[in-house]
Each structure stands twice: as C-alpha cells, then as structure tokens.
Amino acid sequence: MNSLDKCNWRCRYLCRRTKLHVFTALIMPVLLYDSETWISSCALESRLHAFCNRSLRRIMGYSWRDHVSNQRLYHEAGTGSISCTIRDRQLRLYGHLAHFLQDDPAHQVVSA
C-alpha cells in the first residue's frame, strides 16, 4: 500500500474510481489470501478494519480530521466491511465442501 502512495494515491490525474479499482485488484487479493481458512479473532478483525479504513480514507482523500463515518466511507467506495467479505468467503468454501461426497475426507472434516 505504501509503495503505491506517491505514484497512485496522491496522483491528481487518476479519478477515485480508478484508484478503487487498483485497490480492489492489487491490494485486496494479497490481504485476503487464504482468508477462507482463518480463525477470526477480535484482534485480527480490528487490525484488518484499521488497515482497510486507513487505505480507503487515503484513496478517497479524507483526513482523520474530516470525521467521516465508516459506513459513509464504505458507501462512497462501494465496498463493504472486510469482516463481511471474509465471512462470505468462509461460507462459500463451506458450501463448496458440503457438496462433496460423504466418503471424501474434506466433507468429513467439515461435517464433524
């Protein structure tokens, strides 16, 4: 995220939509790699929320003094909460594994 600070996030010639596309295409896959298997904790969720909120505020051009709520930030960016994204990925993986045959070891682990 910091390596893209000067060339992308502070660039006046790129619109917000382009910056958000870069964020969702480059940063989010790296951040959420293998998140389907994570065990969520309060500390992990707060660190992820802090990173995403700080990144989105930087992209949208908001300072910490602007007092923009997280809900408004998500609405303007067209994204949702990072914890909801992780939960959706975990449920998608669970649904995928639930369709395996009952003799399959992956299905036995999920149904146990």
PDB file of N, CA and C in Angstrom:
ATOM      1  N   MET A   1       0.832  -1.190   0.000  1.00  0.00           N
ATOM      2  CA  MET A   1       0.000   0.000   0.000  1.00  0.00           C
ATOM      3  C   MET A   1       0.875   1.252   0.000  1.00  0.00           C
ATOM      4  N   ASN A   2       1.926   1.228   0.798  1.00  0.00           N
ATOM      5  CA  ASN A   2       2.788   2.403   0.866  1.00  0.00           C
ATOM      6  C   ASN A   2       3.588   2.615  -0.406  1.00  0.00           C
ATOM      7  N   SER A   3       3.923   1.528  -1.108  1.00  0.00           N
ATOM      8  CA  SER A   3       4.696   1.685  -2.344  1.00  0.00           C
ATOM      9  C   SER A   3       3.877   2.369  -3.441  1.00  0.00           C
ATOM     10  N   LEU A   4       2.568   2.301  -3.357  1.00  0.00           N
ATOM     11  CA  LEU A   4       1.704   2.965  -4.338  1.00  0.00           C
ATOM     12  C   LEU A   4       1.298   4.368  -3.907  1.00  0.00           C
ATOM     13  N   ASP A   5       1.828   4.838  -2.800  1.00  0.00           N
ATOM     14  CA  ASP A   5       1.393   6.119  -2.238  1.00  0.00           C
ATOM     15  C   ASP A   5       1.671   7.280  -3.177  1.00  0.00           C
ATOM     16  N   LYS A   6       2.894   7.440  -3.605  1.00  0.00           N
ATOM     17  CA  LYS A   6       3.234   8.609  -4.413  1.00  0.00           C
ATOM     18  C   LYS A   6       2.770   8.500  -5.851  1.00  0.00           C
ATOM     19  N   CYS A   7       2.848   7.297  -6.413  1.00  0.00           N
ATOM     20  CA  CYS A   7       2.518   7.179  -7.833  1.00  0.00           C
ATOM     21  C   CYS A   7       1.019   7.058  -8.099  1.00  0.00           C
ATOM     22  N   ASN A   8       0.252   6.525  -7.159  1.00  0.00           N
ATOM     23  CA  ASN A   8      -1.183   6.325  -7.420  1.00  0.00           C
ATOM     24  C   ASN A   8      -2.087   7.119  -6.500  1.00  0.00           C
ATOM     25  N   TRP A   9      -1.939   6.945  -5.199  1.00  0.00           N
ATOM     26  CA  TRP A   9      -2.914   7.501  -4.269  1.00  0.00           C
ATOM     27  C   TRP A   9      -2.871   9.021  -4.235  1.00  0.00           C
ATOM     28  N   ARG A  10      -1.717   9.626  -4.443  1.00  0.00           N
ATOM     29  CA  ARG A  10      -1.631  11.092  -4.425  1.00  0.00           C
ATOM     30  C   ARG A  10      -1.723  11.715  -5.807  1.00  0.00           C
ATOM     31  N   CYS A  11      -1.851  10.899  -6.831  1.00  0.00           N
ATOM     32  CA  CYS A  11      -1.905  11.400  -8.201  1.00  0.00           C
ATOM     33  C   CYS A  11      -3.229  12.128  -8.438  1.00  0.00           C
ATOM     34  N   ARG A  12      -3.148  13.334  -8.914  1.00  0.00           N
ATOM     35  CA  ARG A  12      -4.346  14.123  -9.163  1.00  0.00           C
ATOM     36  C   ARG A  12      -5.035  13.744 -10.469  1.00  0.00           C
ATOM     37  N   TYR A  13      -4.311  13.068 -11.353  1.00  0.00           N
ATOM     38  CA  TYR A  13      -4.841  12.760 -12.669  1.00  0.00           C
ATOM     39  C   TYR A  13      -5.663  11.464 -12.691  1.00  0.00           C
ATOM     40  N   LEU A  14      -5.585  10.681 -11.643  1.00  0.00           N
ATOM     41  CA  LEU A  14      -6.384   9.472 -11.548  1.00  0.00           C
ATOM     42  C   LEU A  14      -7.647   9.766 -10.742  1.00  0.00           C
ATOM     43  N   CYS A  15      -8.777   9.315 -11.240  1.00  0.00           N
ATOM     44  CA  CYS A  15     -10.025   9.541 -10.513  1.00  0.00           C
ATOM     45  C   CYS A  15     -10.149   8.525  -9.383  1.00  0.00           C
ATOM     46  N   ARG A  16     -11.075   8.763  -8.493  1.00  0.00           N
ATOM     47  CA  ARG A  16     -11.287   7.867  -7.343  1.00  0.00           C
ATOM     48  C   ARG A  16     -11.666   6.465  -7.778  1.00  0.00           C
ATOM     49  N   ARG A  17     -12.476   6.381  -8.815  1.00  0.00           N
ATOM     50  CA  ARG A  17     -12.916   5.076  -9.288  1.00  0.00           C
ATOM     51  C   ARG A  17     -11.735   4.223  -9.753  1.00  0.00           C
ATOM     52  N   THR A  18     -10.786   4.841 -10.441  1.00  0.00           N
ATOM     53  CA  THR A  18      -9.599   4.123 -10.898  1.00  0.00           C
ATOM     54  C   THR A  18      -8.747   3.691  -9.713  1.00  0.00           C
ATOM     55  N   LYS A  19      -8.612   4.567  -8.740  1.00  0.00           N
ATOM     56  CA  LYS A  19      -7.841   4.228  -7.542  1.00  0.00           C
ATOM     57  C   LYS A  19      -8.497   3.082  -6.778  1.00  0.00           C
ATOM     58  N   LEU A  20      -9.822   3.082  -6.712  1.00  0.00           N
ATOM     59  CA  LEU A  20     -10.533   1.990  -6.042  1.00  0.00           C
ATOM     60  C   LEU A  20     -10.382   0.679  -6.803  1.00  0.00           C
ATOM     61  N   HIS A  21     -10.375   0.747  -8.129  1.00  0.00           N
ATOM     62  CA  HIS A  21     -10.155  -0.464  -8.918  1.00  0.00           C
ATOM     63  C   HIS A  21      -8.753  -1.020  -8.679  1.00  0.00           C
ATOM     64  N   VAL A  22      -7.767  -0.150  -8.592  1.00  0.00           N
ATOM     65  CA  VAL A  22      -6.404  -0.590  -8.295  1.00  0.00           C
ATOM     66  C   VAL A  22      -6.349  -1.224  -6.908  1.00  0.00           C
ATOM     67  N   PHE A  23      -7.028  -0.621  -5.955  1.00  0.00           N
ATOM     68  CA  PHE A  23      -7.059  -1.159  -4.592  1.00  0.00           C
ATOM     69  C   PHE A  23      -7.692  -2.538  -4.546  1.00  0.00           C
ATOM     70  N   THR A  24      -8.831  -2.696  -5.216  1.00  0.00           N
ATOM     71  CA  THR A  24      -9.518  -3.982  -5.172  1.00  0.00           C
ATOM     72  C   THR A  24      -8.809  -5.043  -6.007  1.00  0.00           C
ATOM     73  N   ALA A  25      -8.054  -4.636  -7.026  1.00  0.00           N
ATOM     74  CA  ALA A  25      -7.373  -5.609  -7.877  1.00  0.00           C
ATOM     75  C   ALA A  25      -5.996  -5.993  -7.362  1.00  0.00           C
ATOM     76  N   LEU A  26      -5.312  -5.078  -6.683  1.00  0.00           N
ATOM     77  CA  LEU A  26      -3.940  -5.357  -6.255  1.00  0.00           C
ATOM     78  C   LEU A  26      -3.786  -5.586  -4.755  1.00  0.00           C
ATOM     79  N   ILE A  27      -4.464  -4.808  -3.956  1.00  0.00           N
ATOM     80  CA  ILE A  27      -4.257  -4.856  -2.508  1.00  0.00           C
ATOM     81  C   ILE A  27      -5.136  -5.916  -1.853  1.00  0.00           C
ATOM     82  N   MET A  28      -6.414  -5.932  -2.185  1.00  0.00           N
ATOM     83  CA  MET A  28      -7.343  -6.840  -1.517  1.00  0.00           C
ATOM     84  C   MET A  28      -7.027  -8.325  -1.724  1.00  0.00           C
ATOM     85  N   PRO A  29      -6.637  -8.782  -2.921  1.00  0.00           N
ATOM     86  CA  PRO A  29      -6.296 -10.210  -3.044  1.00  0.00           C
ATOM     87  C   PRO A  29      -5.095 -10.616  -2.188  1.00  0.00           C
ATOM     88  N   VAL A  30      -4.126  -9.731  -2.073  1.00  0.00           N
ATOM     89  CA  VAL A  30      -2.968 -10.035  -1.231  1.00  0.00           C
ATOM     90  C   VAL A  30      -3.376 -10.045   0.233  1.00  0.00           C
ATOM     91  N   LEU A  31      -4.205  -9.102   0.619  1.00  0.00           N
ATOM     92  CA  LEU A  31      -4.657  -9.018   2.008  1.00  0.00           C
ATOM     93  C   LEU A  31      -5.512 -10.220   2.399  1.00  0.00           C
ATOM     94  N   LEU A  32      -6.365 -10.658   1.497  1.00  0.00           N
ATOM     95  CA  LEU A  32      -7.331 -11.711   1.814  1.00  0.00           C
ATOM     96  C   LEU A  32      -6.900 -13.091   1.335  1.00  0.00           C
ATOM     97  N   TYR A  33      -5.628 -13.247   1.017  1.00  0.00           N
ATOM     98  CA  TYR A  33      -5.151 -14.545   0.534  1.00  0.00           C
ATOM     99  C   TYR A  33      -5.386 -15.608   1.603  1.00  0.00           C
ATOM    100  N   ASP A  34      -6.074 -16.663   1.229  1.00  0.00           N
ATOM    101  CA  ASP A  34      -6.352 -17.804   2.096  1.00  0.00           C
ATOM    102  C   ASP A  34      -7.188 -17.430   3.325  1.00  0.00           C
ATOM    103  N   SER A  35      -7.987 -16.367   3.204  1.00  0.00           N
ATOM    104  CA  SER A  35      -8.795 -15.929   4.347  1.00  0.00           C
ATOM    105  C   SER A  35      -9.941 -16.882   4.651  1.00  0.00           C
ATOM    106  N   GLU A  36     -10.223 -17.807   3.742  1.00  0.00           N
ATOM    107  CA  GLU A  36     -11.299 -18.767   3.973  1.00  0.00           C
ATOM    108  C   GLU A  36     -10.974 -19.688   5.140  1.00  0.00           C
ATOM    109  N   THR A  37      -9.694 -19.892   5.407  1.00  0.00           N
ATOM    110  CA  THR A  37      -9.286 -20.834   6.443  1.00  0.00           C
ATOM    111  C   THR A  37      -8.871 -20.148   7.736  1.00  0.00           C
ATOM    112  N   TRP A  38      -8.964 -18.849   7.800  1.00  0.00           N
ATOM    113  CA  TRP A  38      -8.565 -18.126   9.009  1.00  0.00           C
ATOM    114  C   TRP A  38      -9.557 -18.376  10.138  1.00  0.00           C
ATOM    115  N   ILE A  39      -9.036 -18.358  11.343  1.00  0.00           N
ATOM    116  CA  ILE A  39      -9.885 -18.342  12.527  1.00  0.00           C
ATOM    117  C   ILE A  39      -9.936 -16.887  12.978  1.00  0.00           C
ATOM    118  N   SER A  40     -11.109 -16.297  12.911  1.00  0.00           N
ATOM    119  CA  SER A  40     -11.211 -14.868  13.199  1.00  0.00           C
ATOM    120  C   SER A  40     -11.167 -14.611  14.702  1.00  0.00           C
ATOM    121  N   SER A  41     -10.502 -13.537  15.042  1.00  0.00           N
ATOM    122  CA  SER A  41     -10.444 -13.079  16.423  1.00  0.00           C
ATOM    123  C   SER A  41     -10.691 -11.574  16.416  1.00  0.00           C
ATOM    124  N   CYS A  42     -10.962 -11.032  17.557  1.00  0.00           N
ATOM    125  CA  CYS A  42     -11.227  -9.596  17.660  1.00  0.00           C
ATOM    126  C   CYS A  42     -10.001  -8.783  17.271  1.00  0.00           C
ATOM    127  N   ALA A  43      -8.820  -9.254  17.672  1.00  0.00           N
ATOM    128  CA  ALA A  43      -7.588  -8.532  17.361  1.00  0.00           C
ATOM    129  C   ALA A  43      -7.326  -8.524  15.856  1.00  0.00           C
ATOM    130  N   LEU A  44      -7.530  -9.668  15.209  1.00  0.00           N
ATOM    131  CA  LEU A  44      -7.322  -9.752  13.768  1.00  0.00           C
ATOM    132  C   LEU A  44      -8.321  -8.877  13.028  1.00  0.00           C
ATOM    133  N   GLU A  45      -9.576  -8.942  13.420  1.00  0.00           N
ATOM    134  CA  GLU A  45     -10.593  -8.129  12.752  1.00  0.00           C
ATOM    135  C   GLU A  45     -10.343  -6.638  12.932  1.00  0.00           C
ATOM    136  N   SER A  46      -9.920  -6.227  14.105  1.00  0.00           N
ATOM    137  CA  SER A  46      -9.662  -4.799  14.319  1.00  0.00           C
ATOM    138  C   SER A  46      -8.461  -4.330  13.499  1.00  0.00           C
ATOM    139  N   ARG A  47      -7.441  -5.173  13.365  1.00  0.00           N
ATOM    140  CA  ARG A  47      -6.284  -4.802  12.536  1.00  0.00           C
ATOM    141  C   ARG A  47      -6.669  -4.713  11.061  1.00  0.00           C
ATOM    142  N   LEU A  48      -7.493  -5.648  10.592  1.00  0.00           N
ATOM    143  CA  LEU A  48      -7.935  -5.616   9.200  1.00  0.00           C
ATOM    144  C   LEU A  48      -8.823  -4.405   8.928  1.00  0.00           C
ATOM    145  N   HIS A  49      -9.742  -4.112   9.856  1.00  0.00           N
ATOM    146  CA  HIS A  49     -10.603  -2.938   9.704  1.00  0.00           C
ATOM    147  C   HIS A  49      -9.772  -1.659   9.689  1.00  0.00           C
ATOM    148  N   ALA A  50      -8.793  -1.575  10.560  1.00  0.00           N
ATOM    149  CA  ALA A  50      -7.954  -0.375  10.617  1.00  0.00           C
ATOM    150  C   ALA A  50      -7.193  -0.188   9.307  1.00  0.00           C
ATOM    151  N   PHE A  51      -6.627  -1.272   8.774  1.00  0.00           N
ATOM    152  CA  PHE A  51      -5.888  -1.163   7.517  1.00  0.00           C
ATOM    153  C   PHE A  51      -6.799  -0.747   6.373  1.00  0.00           C
ATOM    154  N   CYS A  52      -7.949  -1.396   6.244  1.00  0.00           N
ATOM    155  CA  CYS A  52      -8.854  -1.085   5.137  1.00  0.00           C
ATOM    156  C   CYS A  52      -9.420   0.325   5.249  1.00  0.00           C
ATOM    157  N   ASN A  53      -9.796   0.722   6.443  1.00  0.00           N
ATOM    158  CA  ASN A  53     -10.334   2.065   6.624  1.00  0.00           C
ATOM    159  C   ASN A  53      -9.274   3.124   6.334  1.00  0.00           C
ATOM    160  N   ARG A  54      -8.065   2.901   6.812  1.00  0.00           N
ATOM    161  CA  ARG A  54      -6.983   3.852   6.558  1.00  0.00           C
ATOM    162  C   ARG A  54      -6.682   3.922   5.061  1.00  0.00           C
ATOM    163  N   SER A  55      -6.684   2.777   4.395  1.00  0.00           N
ATOM    164  CA  SER A  55      -6.414   2.744   2.958  1.00  0.00           C
ATOM    165  C   SER A  55      -7.514   3.440   2.169  1.00  0.00           C
ATOM    166  N   LEU A  56      -8.764   3.145   2.504  1.00  0.00           N
ATOM    167  CA  LEU A  56      -9.872   3.780   1.794  1.00  0.00           C
ATOM    168  C   LEU A  56      -9.910   5.282   2.039  1.00  0.00           C
ATOM    169  N   ARG A  57      -9.612   5.699   3.246  1.00  0.00           N
ATOM    170  CA  ARG A  57      -9.571   7.144   3.520  1.00  0.00           C
ATOM    171  C   ARG A  57      -8.472   7.827   2.724  1.00  0.00           C
ATOM    172  N   ARG A  58      -7.342   7.152   2.569  1.00  0.00           N
ATOM    173  CA  ARG A  58      -6.247   7.716   1.780  1.00  0.00           C
ATOM    174  C   ARG A  58      -6.665   7.822   0.318  1.00  0.00           C
ATOM    175  N   ILE A  59      -7.314   6.797  -0.198  1.00  0.00           N
ATOM    176  CA  ILE A  59      -7.753   6.799  -1.595  1.00  0.00           C
ATOM    177  C   ILE A  59      -8.823   7.859  -1.826  1.00  0.00           C
ATOM    178  N   MET A  60      -9.779   7.950  -0.912  1.00  0.00           N
ATOM    179  CA  MET A  60     -10.885   8.891  -1.075  1.00  0.00           C
ATOM    180  C   MET A  60     -10.482  10.332  -0.759  1.00  0.00           C
ATOM    181  N   GLY A  61      -9.309  10.517  -0.175  1.00  0.00           N
ATOM    182  CA  GLY A  61      -8.815  11.859   0.104  1.00  0.00           C
ATOM    183  C   GLY A  61      -9.302  12.443   1.410  1.00  0.00           C
ATOM    184  N   TYR A  62      -9.703  11.599   2.350  1.00  0.00           N
ATOM    185  CA  TYR A  62     -10.170  12.076   3.642  1.00  0.00           C
ATOM    186  C   TYR A  62      -9.039  12.062   4.656  1.00  0.00           C
ATOM    187  N   SER A  63      -9.035  13.053   5.489  1.00  0.00           N
ATOM    188  CA  SER A  63      -8.095  13.133   6.595  1.00  0.00           C
ATOM    189  C   SER A  63      -8.784  12.604   7.848  1.00  0.00           C
ATOM    190  N   TRP A  64      -8.008  12.336   8.877  1.00  0.00           N
ATOM    191  CA  TRP A  64      -8.603  11.873  10.129  1.00  0.00           C
ATOM    192  C   TRP A  64      -9.421  12.984  10.775  1.00  0.00           C
ATOM    193  N   ARG A  65      -9.198  14.218  10.373  1.00  0.00           N
ATOM    194  CA  ARG A  65      -9.936  15.349  10.940  1.00  0.00           C
ATOM    195  C   ARG A  65     -11.285  15.571  10.275  1.00  0.00           C
ATOM    196  N   ASP A  66     -11.560  14.864   9.193  1.00  0.00           N
ATOM    197  CA  ASP A  66     -12.800  15.093   8.437  1.00  0.00           C
ATOM    198  C   ASP A  66     -14.029  14.464   9.080  1.00  0.00           C
ATOM    199  N   HIS A  67     -13.861  13.583  10.035  1.00  0.00           N
ATOM    200  CA  HIS A  67     -14.960  12.952  10.768  1.00  0.00           C
ATOM    201  C   HIS A  67     -15.969  12.290   9.828  1.00  0.00           C
ATOM    202  N   VAL A  68     -15.464  11.431   8.956  1.00  0.00           N
ATOM    203  CA  VAL A  68     -16.306  10.667   8.044  1.00  0.00           C
ATOM    204  C   VAL A  68     -16.529   9.294   8.667  1.00  0.00           C
ATOM    205  N   SER A  69     -17.784   8.894   8.780  1.00  0.00           N
ATOM    206  CA  SER A  69     -18.075   7.598   9.397  1.00  0.00           C
ATOM    207  C   SER A  69     -17.631   6.469   8.472  1.00  0.00           C
ATOM    208  N   ASN A  70     -17.418   5.311   9.065  1.00  0.00           N
ATOM    209  CA  ASN A  70     -17.017   4.150   8.275  1.00  0.00           C
ATOM    210  C   ASN A  70     -18.117   3.728   7.313  1.00  0.00           C
ATOM    211  N   GLN A  71     -19.363   3.838   7.736  1.00  0.00           N
ATOM    212  CA  GLN A  71     -20.482   3.472   6.872  1.00  0.00           C
ATOM    213  C   GLN A  71     -20.533   4.374   5.637  1.00  0.00           C
ATOM    214  N   ARG A  72     -20.322   5.655   5.843  1.00  0.00           N
ATOM    215  CA  ARG A  72     -20.302   6.587   4.707  1.00  0.00           C
ATOM    216  C   ARG A  72     -19.115   6.289   3.800  1.00  0.00           C
ATOM    217  N   LEU A  73     -17.986   5.962   4.395  1.00  0.00           N
ATOM    218  CA  LEU A  73     -16.794   5.618   3.624  1.00  0.00           C
ATOM    219  C   LEU A  73     -17.043   4.380   2.766  1.00  0.00           C
ATOM    220  N   TYR A  74     -17.648   3.343   3.347  1.00  0.00           N
ATOM    221  CA  TYR A  74     -17.956   2.127   2.597  1.00  0.00           C
ATOM    222  C   TYR A  74     -18.967   2.407   1.492  1.00  0.00           C
ATOM    223  N   HIS A  75     -19.937   3.249   1.791  1.00  0.00           N
ATOM    224  CA  HIS A  75     -20.959   3.581   0.797  1.00  0.00           C
ATOM    225  C   HIS A  75     -20.347   4.328  -0.385  1.00  0.00           C
ATOM    226  N   GLU A  76     -19.502   5.314  -0.112  1.00  0.00           N
ATOM    227  CA  GLU A  76     -18.888   6.086  -1.186  1.00  0.00           C
ATOM    228  C   GLU A  76     -17.898   5.247  -1.988  1.00  0.00           C
ATOM    229  N   ALA A  77     -17.218   4.331  -1.323  1.00  0.00           N
ATOM    230  CA  ALA A  77     -16.249   3.479  -2.020  1.00  0.00           C
ATOM    231  C   ALA A  77     -16.926   2.318  -2.731  1.00  0.00           C
ATOM    232  N   GLY A  78     -18.163   2.018  -2.371  1.00  0.00           N
ATOM    233  CA  GLY A  78     -18.872   0.911  -2.987  1.00  0.00           C
ATOM    234  C   GLY A  78     -18.394  -0.444  -2.492  1.00  0.00           C
ATOM    235  N   THR A  79     -17.834  -0.472  -1.301  1.00  0.00           N
ATOM    236  CA  THR A  79     -17.366  -1.725  -0.712  1.00  0.00           C
ATOM    237  C   THR A  79     -18.125  -1.984   0.569  1.00  0.00           C
ATOM    238  N   GLY A  80     -17.847  -3.108   1.158  1.00  0.00           N
ATOM    239  CA  GLY A  80     -18.442  -3.447   2.436  1.00  0.00           C
ATOM    240  C   GLY A  80     -17.364  -3.630   3.477  1.00  0.00           C
ATOM    241  N   SER A  81     -17.774  -4.043   4.619  1.00  0.00           N
ATOM    242  CA  SER A  81     -16.842  -4.291   5.709  1.00  0.00           C
ATOM    243  C   SER A  81     -15.960  -5.483   5.364  1.00  0.00           C
ATOM    244  N   ILE A  82     -14.715  -5.444   5.777  1.00  0.00           N
ATOM    245  CA  ILE A  82     -13.767  -6.517   5.488  1.00  0.00           C
ATOM    246  C   ILE A  82     -14.156  -7.799   6.206  1.00  0.00           C
ATOM    247  N   SER A  83     -14.727  -7.685   7.394  1.00  0.00           N
ATOM    248  CA  SER A  83     -15.145  -8.884   8.118  1.00  0.00           C
ATOM    249  C   SER A  83     -16.307  -9.573   7.403  1.00  0.00           C
ATOM    250  N   CYS A  84     -17.184  -8.807   6.771  1.00  0.00           N
ATOM    251  CA  CYS A  84     -18.272  -9.406   5.987  1.00  0.00           C
ATOM    252  C   CYS A  84     -17.729 -10.111   4.755  1.00  0.00           C
ATOM    253  N   THR A  85     -16.709  -9.538   4.140  1.00  0.00           N
ATOM    254  CA  THR A  85     -16.084 -10.168   2.982  1.00  0.00           C
ATOM    255  C   THR A  85     -15.445 -11.496   3.364  1.00  0.00           C
ATOM    256  N   ILE A  86     -14.751 -11.519   4.498  1.00  0.00           N
ATOM    257  CA  ILE A  86     -14.111 -12.753   4.958  1.00  0.00           C
ATOM    258  C   ILE A  86     -15.163 -13.791   5.306  1.00  0.00           C
ATOM    259  N   ARG A  87     -16.226 -13.379   5.976  1.00  0.00           N
ATOM    260  CA  ARG A  87     -17.299 -14.299   6.344  1.00  0.00           C
ATOM    261  C   ARG A  87     -17.958 -14.879   5.097  1.00  0.00           C
ATOM    262  N   ASP A  88     -18.174 -14.066   4.067  1.00  0.00           N
ATOM    263  CA  ASP A  88     -18.752 -14.565   2.824  1.00  0.00           C
ATOM    264  C   ASP A  88     -17.841 -15.596   2.167  1.00  0.00           C
ATOM    265  N   ARG A  89     -16.545 -15.340   2.174  1.00  0.00           N
ATOM    266  CA  ARG A  89     -15.593 -16.298   1.599  1.00  0.00           C
ATOM    267  C   ARG A  89     -15.590 -17.605   2.378  1.00  0.00           C
ATOM    268  N   GLN A  90     -15.653 -17.517   3.694  1.00  0.00           N
ATOM    269  CA  GLN A  90     -15.664 -18.731   4.507  1.00  0.00           C
ATOM    270  C   GLN A  90     -16.927 -19.538   4.272  1.00  0.00           C
ATOM    271  N   LEU A  91     -18.055 -18.865   4.172  1.00  0.00           N
ATOM    272  CA  LEU A  91     -19.310 -19.573   3.911  1.00  0.00           C
ATOM    273  C   LEU A  91     -19.333 -20.182   2.518  1.00  0.00           C
ATOM    274  N   ARG A  92     -18.727 -19.501   1.541  1.00  0.00           N
ATOM    275  CA  ARG A  92     -18.646 -20.047   0.203  1.00  0.00           C
ATOM    276  C   ARG A  92     -17.803 -21.324   0.173  1.00  0.00           C
ATOM    277  N   LEU A  93     -16.689 -21.322   0.917  1.00  0.00           N
ATOM    278  CA  LEU A  93     -15.861 -22.522   0.999  1.00  0.00           C
ATOM    279  C   LEU A  93     -16.604 -23.648   1.707  1.00  0.00           C
ATOM    280  N   TYR A  94     -17.305 -23.319   2.781  1.00  0.00           N
ATOM    281  CA  TYR A  94     -18.079 -24.334   3.499  1.00  0.00           C
ATOM    282  C   TYR A  94     -19.149 -24.944   2.596  1.00  0.00           C
ATOM    283  N   GLY A  95     -19.837 -24.118   1.832  1.00  0.00           N
ATOM    284  CA  GLY A  95     -20.851 -24.616   0.909  1.00  0.00           C
ATOM    285  C   GLY A  95     -20.246 -25.491  -0.173  1.00  0.00           C
ATOM    286  N   HIS A  96     -19.053 -25.133  -0.624  1.00  0.00           N
ATOM    287  CA  HIS A  96     -18.373 -25.937  -1.637  1.00  0.00           C
ATOM    288  C   HIS A  96     -17.997 -27.300  -1.069  1.00  0.00           C
ATOM    289  N   LEU A  97     -17.459 -27.327   0.134  1.00  0.00           N
ATOM    290  CA  LEU A  97     -17.041 -28.589   0.732  1.00  0.00           C
ATOM    291  C   LEU A  97     -18.229 -29.445   1.157  1.00  0.00           C
ATOM    292  N   ALA A  98     -19.347 -28.818   1.458  1.00  0.00           N
ATOM    293  CA  ALA A  98     -20.533 -29.578   1.873  1.00  0.00           C
ATOM    294  C   ALA A  98     -21.118 -30.392   0.725  1.00  0.00           C
ATOM    295  N   HIS A  99     -20.805 -30.016  -0.512  1.00  0.00           N
ATOM    296  CA  HIS A  99     -21.323 -30.753  -1.659  1.00  0.00           C
ATOM    297  C   HIS A  99     -20.461 -31.952  -2.035  1.00  0.00           C
ATOM    298  N   PHE A 100     -19.349 -32.150  -1.372  1.00  0.00           N
ATOM    299  CA  PHE A 100     -18.501 -33.315  -1.653  1.00  0.00           C
ATOM    300  C   PHE A 100     -19.216 -34.586  -1.210  1.00  0.00           C
ATOM    301  N   LEU A 101     -18.749 -35.704  -1.719  1.00  0.00           N
ATOM    302  CA  LEU A 101     -19.299 -36.990  -1.305  1.00  0.00           C
ATOM    303  C   LEU A 101     -19.000 -37.229   0.166  1.00  0.00           C
ATOM    304  N   GLN A 102     -19.828 -37.998   0.811  1.00  0.00           N
ATOM    305  CA  GLN A 102     -19.657 -38.219   2.248  1.00  0.00           C
ATOM    306  C   GLN A 102     -18.416 -39.031   2.567  1.00  0.00           C
ATOM    307  N   ASP A 103     -17.902 -39.798   1.611  1.00  0.00           N
ATOM    308  CA  ASP A 103     -16.682 -40.568   1.832  1.00  0.00           C
ATOM    309  C   ASP A 103     -15.424 -39.711   1.714  1.00  0.00           C
ATOM    310  N   ASP A 104     -15.557 -38.521   1.157  1.00  0.00           N
ATOM    311  CA  ASP A 104     -14.401 -37.641   0.954  1.00  0.00           C
ATOM    312  C   ASP A 104     -13.897 -37.119   2.291  1.00  0.00           C
ATOM    313  N   PRO A 105     -12.584 -37.097   2.529  1.00  0.00           N
ATOM    314  CA  PRO A 105     -12.051 -36.595   3.806  1.00  0.00           C
ATOM    315  C   PRO A 105     -12.388 -35.139   4.078  1.00  0.00           C
ATOM    316  N   ALA A 106     -12.438 -34.329   3.030  1.00  0.00           N
ATOM    317  CA  ALA A 106     -12.773 -32.913   3.226  1.00  0.00           C
ATOM    318  C   ALA A 106     -14.200 -32.765   3.745  1.00  0.00           C
ATOM    319  N   HIS A 107     -15.120 -33.561   3.229  1.00  0.00           N
ATOM    320  CA  HIS A 107     -16.506 -33.497   3.695  1.00  0.00           C
ATOM    321  C   HIS A 107     -16.605 -33.977   5.155  1.00  0.00           C
ATOM    322  N   GLN A 108     -15.831 -34.981   5.506  1.00  0.00           N
ATOM    323  CA  GLN A 108     -15.867 -35.494   6.870  1.00  0.00           C
ATOM    324  C   GLN A 108     -15.321 -34.465   7.858  1.00  0.00           C
ATOM    325  N   VAL A 109     -14.317 -33.701   7.453  1.00  0.00           N
ATOM    326  CA  VAL A 109     -13.769 -32.669   8.333  1.00  0.00           C
ATOM    327  C   VAL A 109     -14.790 -31.568   8.556  1.00  0.00           C
ATOM    328  N   VAL A 110     -15.480 -31.167   7.493  1.00  0.00           N
ATOM    329  CA  VAL A 110     -16.449 -30.084   7.608  1.00  0.00           C
ATOM    330  C   VAL A 110     -17.671 -30.507   8.412  1.00  0.00           C
ATOM    331  N   SER A 111     -18.129 -31.731   8.218  1.00  0.00           N
ATOM    332  CA  SER A 111     -19.339 -32.169   8.890  1.00  0.00           C
ATOM    333  C   SER A 111     -19.095 -32.654  10.319  1.00  0.00           C
ATOM    334  N   ALA A 112     -17.853 -32.790  10.709  1.00  0.00           N
ATOM    335  CA  ALA A 112     -17.548 -33.268  12.069  1.00  0.00           C
ATOM    336  C   ALA A 112     -17.767 -32.205  13.104  1.00  0.00           C
TER     337      ALA A 112
END
